[in-house]
Amino acid sequence: MPRASATAGRWAGGAARERRRARSGRPSARRRGAASPAAVRGVRDARGAARPHPPARRDVRAGDRTPVMPAAEPAPAPAGPAAGAPPRPRTVDRIVTVALLAYGLFNVLSSFTAFLDYGAYAETMFAVLGVDAELADPSAGRPWGIAAAVVLAVGWVATALVSSWSLRRGRLTWWIPLVAGIVFTFAAGIMMVVPLMNDPAVWDALVGSLR
């Protein structure tokens, strides 16, 4: 009980002091730490001035809006062979090219025996031309026969290499062995005729057959 009476006495003394301070115009202890409304507004204004303001939004009305056209998409590339892709092989051209090369190889191999035996070759030529003649020195034509055989062999190998390269590139190739065969066969034929032209008896017989 003495404690309750002491507490009630302190509450009563505190209330009396609050009434006396209110009469004298001094703020109470509870309100001394509170700031005035004007001070609070000043602090808020200072904080607002120091803080950067976001950019003002543009008020766009419905009538002022400009329609934005979508970006045009690039046109698709035309369908075709991709860059760097291997060319499409030509089936017919490949078959004709291989056939011409095979024929040329057969012609070269069959000509070796005839060119190396120049005497037999000369007799065959005389029979075809219908000329009654005979070589004075058949051995003189042997070097020319060997040279003509070498020309045909080298020509065929070069033609085969060029044709193979052209086929891998996908180019038209059939004409290469055809033209090469004509050129090298003509060159070898000229070399085989030289010994006949150098023999006077054979030359006179050939000229007499033309009259």
Protein backbone atom coordinates (compact mmCIF):
# COMPACT_ATOMS: atom_id res chain seq x y z
CA MET A 1 0.00 0.00 0.00
CA PRO A 2 2.75 2.55 0.78
CA ARG A 3 4.15 1.96 -2.75
CA ALA A 4 0.79 2.62 -4.42
CA SER A 5 0.30 5.83 -2.50
CA ALA A 6 3.82 6.99 -3.42
CA THR A 7 3.19 6.33 -7.14
CA ALA A 8 -0.13 8.16 -7.05
CA GLY A 9 1.64 11.05 -5.38
CA ARG A 10 4.23 11.29 -8.11
CA TRP A 11 1.55 11.24 -10.82
CA ALA A 12 -0.31 13.98 -9.06
CA GLY A 13 2.84 16.08 -8.69
CA GLY A 14 3.67 15.66 -12.35
CA ALA A 15 0.21 16.72 -13.47
CA ALA A 16 0.45 19.83 -11.31
CA ARG A 17 3.73 20.80 -12.85
CA GLU A 18 2.29 20.37 -16.38
CA ARG A 19 -0.61 22.70 -15.53
CA ARG A 20 1.75 25.36 -14.18
CA ARG A 21 3.94 25.23 -17.31
CA ALA A 22 0.90 25.46 -19.55
CA ARG A 23 -0.23 28.60 -17.71
CA SER A 24 3.22 30.18 -17.99
CA GLY A 25 3.42 29.49 -21.79
CA ARG A 26 6.54 27.28 -21.70
CA PRO A 27 6.45 23.99 -23.68
CA SER A 28 6.21 20.79 -21.79
CA ALA A 29 9.04 18.29 -21.57
CA ARG A 30 7.29 15.94 -23.99
CA ARG A 31 7.13 18.66 -26.70
CA ARG A 32 10.63 20.13 -26.30
CA GLY A 33 12.18 17.67 -28.78
CA ALA A 34 9.40 18.16 -31.41
CA ALA A 35 10.17 20.53 -34.30
CA SER A 36 7.78 23.22 -35.41
CA PRO A 37 5.72 22.78 -38.58
CA ALA A 38 7.62 25.63 -40.32
CA ALA A 39 10.97 24.01 -39.57
CA VAL A 40 9.70 20.70 -40.91
CA ARG A 41 8.55 22.36 -44.15
CA GLY A 42 11.92 24.10 -44.52
CA VAL A 43 13.82 20.86 -44.17
CA ARG A 44 11.54 19.20 -46.72
CA ASP A 45 12.04 22.07 -49.20
CA ALA A 46 15.81 21.90 -48.81
CA ARG A 47 15.80 18.15 -49.44
CA GLY A 48 13.60 18.56 -52.48
CA ALA A 49 15.90 21.22 -53.99
CA ALA A 50 18.99 19.05 -53.50
CA ARG A 51 17.39 16.00 -55.06
CA PRO A 52 17.60 15.91 -58.93
CA HIS A 53 14.24 16.11 -60.58
CA PRO A 54 13.32 13.54 -63.26
CA PRO A 55 12.76 14.91 -66.75
CA ALA A 56 9.29 16.10 -67.37
CA ARG A 57 7.13 13.77 -69.37
CA ARG A 58 5.95 15.00 -72.69
CA ASP A 59 2.23 15.16 -72.91
CA VAL A 60 1.44 13.75 -76.29
CA ARG A 61 -2.12 14.11 -77.35
CA ALA A 62 -3.87 11.66 -79.58
CA GLY A 63 -3.86 14.10 -82.51
CA ASP A 64 -0.10 14.81 -82.26
CA ARG A 65 1.06 11.21 -82.37
CA THR A 66 3.07 10.31 -85.45
CA PRO A 67 2.67 6.71 -86.61
CA VAL A 68 5.94 4.81 -86.44
CA MET A 69 6.53 2.62 -89.45
CA PRO A 70 8.04 -0.80 -88.67
CA ALA A 71 11.53 -1.43 -90.00
CA ALA A 72 11.47 -3.18 -93.36
CA GLU A 73 12.80 -6.71 -93.20
CA PRO A 74 15.55 -7.60 -95.70
CA ALA A 75 14.38 -9.52 -98.72
CA PRO A 76 15.32 -13.21 -98.65
CA ALA A 77 18.25 -14.16 -100.86
CA PRO A 78 17.28 -16.00 -104.05
CA ALA A 79 17.63 -19.73 -103.89
CA GLY A 80 20.78 -20.95 -105.60
CA PRO A 81 24.08 -22.68 -105.01
CA ALA A 82 25.79 -21.43 -101.89
CA ALA A 83 29.09 -19.60 -102.18
CA GLY A 84 32.01 -21.95 -102.00
CA ALA A 85 29.82 -25.02 -102.73
CA PRO A 86 31.31 -27.52 -105.21
CA PRO A 87 29.87 -27.13 -108.74
CA ARG A 88 27.34 -29.67 -109.94
CA PRO A 89 28.97 -32.28 -112.15
CA ARG A 90 27.87 -32.62 -115.80
CA THR A 91 27.08 -36.29 -116.28
CA VAL A 92 26.90 -36.34 -120.08
CA ASP A 93 30.01 -34.19 -120.44
CA ARG A 94 31.91 -36.46 -118.06
CA ILE A 95 30.94 -39.59 -120.02
CA VAL A 96 31.92 -38.07 -123.38
CA THR A 97 35.22 -36.78 -121.99
CA VAL A 98 36.19 -40.15 -120.52
CA ALA A 99 35.24 -41.89 -123.78
CA LEU A 100 37.42 -39.54 -125.84
CA LEU A 101 40.35 -39.99 -123.47
CA ALA A 102 39.99 -43.77 -123.66
CA TYR A 103 39.95 -43.65 -127.46
CA GLY A 104 43.01 -41.41 -127.47
CA LEU A 105 44.89 -43.80 -125.18
CA PHE A 106 44.04 -46.72 -127.45
CA ASN A 107 45.24 -44.73 -130.47
CA VAL A 108 48.52 -43.84 -128.76
CA LEU A 109 49.27 -47.42 -127.70
CA SER A 110 48.43 -48.86 -131.13
CA SER A 111 50.61 -46.24 -132.85
CA PHE A 112 53.75 -47.15 -130.88
CA THR A 113 54.43 -50.36 -132.81
CA ALA A 114 53.84 -48.67 -136.17
CA PHE A 115 55.97 -45.61 -135.39
CA LEU A 116 58.90 -47.60 -134.00
CA ASP A 117 59.04 -49.79 -137.15
CA TYR A 118 59.29 -47.02 -139.72
CA GLY A 119 59.92 -49.38 -142.67
CA ALA A 120 56.59 -51.17 -142.13
CA TYR A 121 54.87 -47.82 -141.67
CA ALA A 122 56.24 -46.56 -145.01
CA GLU A 123 55.08 -49.67 -146.86
CA THR A 124 51.58 -49.26 -145.38
CA MET A 125 51.52 -45.62 -146.53
CA PHE A 126 52.60 -46.54 -150.05
CA ALA A 127 49.86 -49.19 -150.25
CA VAL A 128 47.19 -46.74 -149.09
CA LEU A 129 48.32 -44.04 -151.54
CA GLY A 130 48.75 -46.51 -154.40
CA VAL A 131 52.39 -45.56 -154.96
CA ASP A 132 54.97 -48.07 -156.16
CA ALA A 133 58.04 -46.88 -154.26
CA GLU A 134 60.58 -48.01 -151.71
CA LEU A 135 62.67 -46.12 -149.16
CA ALA A 136 66.35 -45.91 -149.95
CA ASP A 137 67.29 -46.00 -146.21
CA PRO A 138 64.44 -47.26 -143.95
CA SER A 139 66.57 -46.82 -140.81
CA ALA A 140 66.72 -43.04 -141.38
CA GLY A 141 63.08 -42.75 -140.48
CA ARG A 142 63.34 -44.56 -137.12
CA PRO A 143 64.29 -41.44 -135.06
CA TRP A 144 61.30 -39.61 -136.51
CA GLY A 145 59.04 -42.49 -135.57
CA ILE A 146 60.31 -42.44 -131.97
CA ALA A 147 59.84 -38.67 -131.77
CA ALA A 148 56.27 -38.96 -133.10
CA ALA A 149 55.45 -41.65 -130.51
CA VAL A 150 56.82 -39.46 -127.69
CA VAL A 151 54.73 -36.50 -128.90
CA LEU A 152 51.57 -38.60 -128.85
CA ALA A 153 52.29 -39.98 -125.36
CA VAL A 154 53.13 -36.58 -123.82
CA GLY A 155 50.13 -35.02 -125.54
CA TRP A 156 47.76 -37.62 -124.13
CA VAL A 157 49.09 -37.24 -120.57
CA ALA A 158 48.79 -33.44 -120.74
CA THR A 159 45.27 -33.74 -122.16
CA ALA A 160 44.20 -36.12 -119.39
CA LEU A 161 45.52 -33.79 -116.66
CA VAL A 162 43.82 -30.71 -118.12
CA SER A 163 40.56 -32.60 -118.63
CA SER A 164 40.59 -33.89 -115.05
CA TRP A 165 41.17 -30.37 -113.69
CA SER A 166 38.33 -29.01 -115.82
CA LEU A 167 35.93 -31.75 -114.68
CA ARG A 168 36.66 -31.00 -111.02
CA ARG A 169 35.84 -27.36 -111.69
CA GLY A 170 32.49 -28.33 -113.19
CA ARG A 171 33.30 -26.83 -116.58
CA LEU A 172 32.43 -28.13 -120.05
CA THR A 173 35.32 -30.48 -120.87
CA TRP A 174 34.46 -32.77 -123.79
CA TRP A 175 36.06 -30.42 -126.33
CA ILE A 176 39.51 -30.56 -124.63
CA PRO A 177 40.40 -34.17 -125.56
CA LEU A 178 38.81 -33.70 -128.99
CA VAL A 179 40.91 -30.65 -129.90
CA ALA A 180 44.04 -32.04 -128.24
CA GLY A 181 43.69 -35.32 -130.14
CA ILE A 182 43.46 -33.49 -133.47
CA VAL A 183 46.45 -31.25 -132.70
CA PHE A 184 48.84 -33.95 -131.43
CA THR A 185 47.84 -36.46 -134.11
CA PHE A 186 48.51 -33.86 -136.80
CA ALA A 187 51.89 -33.01 -135.25
CA ALA A 188 52.90 -36.69 -135.09
CA GLY A 189 51.76 -37.24 -138.71
CA ILE A 190 53.91 -34.34 -139.94
CA MET A 191 56.93 -35.84 -138.19
CA MET A 192 56.29 -39.23 -139.81
CA VAL A 193 56.07 -37.71 -143.30
CA VAL A 194 59.41 -35.86 -143.07
CA PRO A 195 61.55 -38.93 -143.98
CA LEU A 196 59.34 -39.61 -146.99
CA MET A 197 59.77 -36.07 -148.25
CA ASN A 198 63.54 -36.29 -147.84
CA ASP A 199 63.81 -39.39 -150.08
CA PRO A 200 64.03 -38.24 -153.76
CA ALA A 201 62.79 -41.54 -155.20
CA VAL A 202 59.74 -41.58 -152.97
CA TRP A 203 59.07 -37.92 -153.67
CA ASP A 204 59.16 -38.45 -157.43
CA ALA A 205 56.78 -41.42 -157.09
CA LEU A 206 54.34 -39.38 -155.01
CA VAL A 207 54.37 -36.48 -157.47
CA GLY A 208 53.91 -38.88 -160.41
CA SER A 209 50.87 -40.46 -158.75
CA LEU A 210 49.19 -37.07 -158.50
CA ARG A 211 49.47 -36.34 -162.22
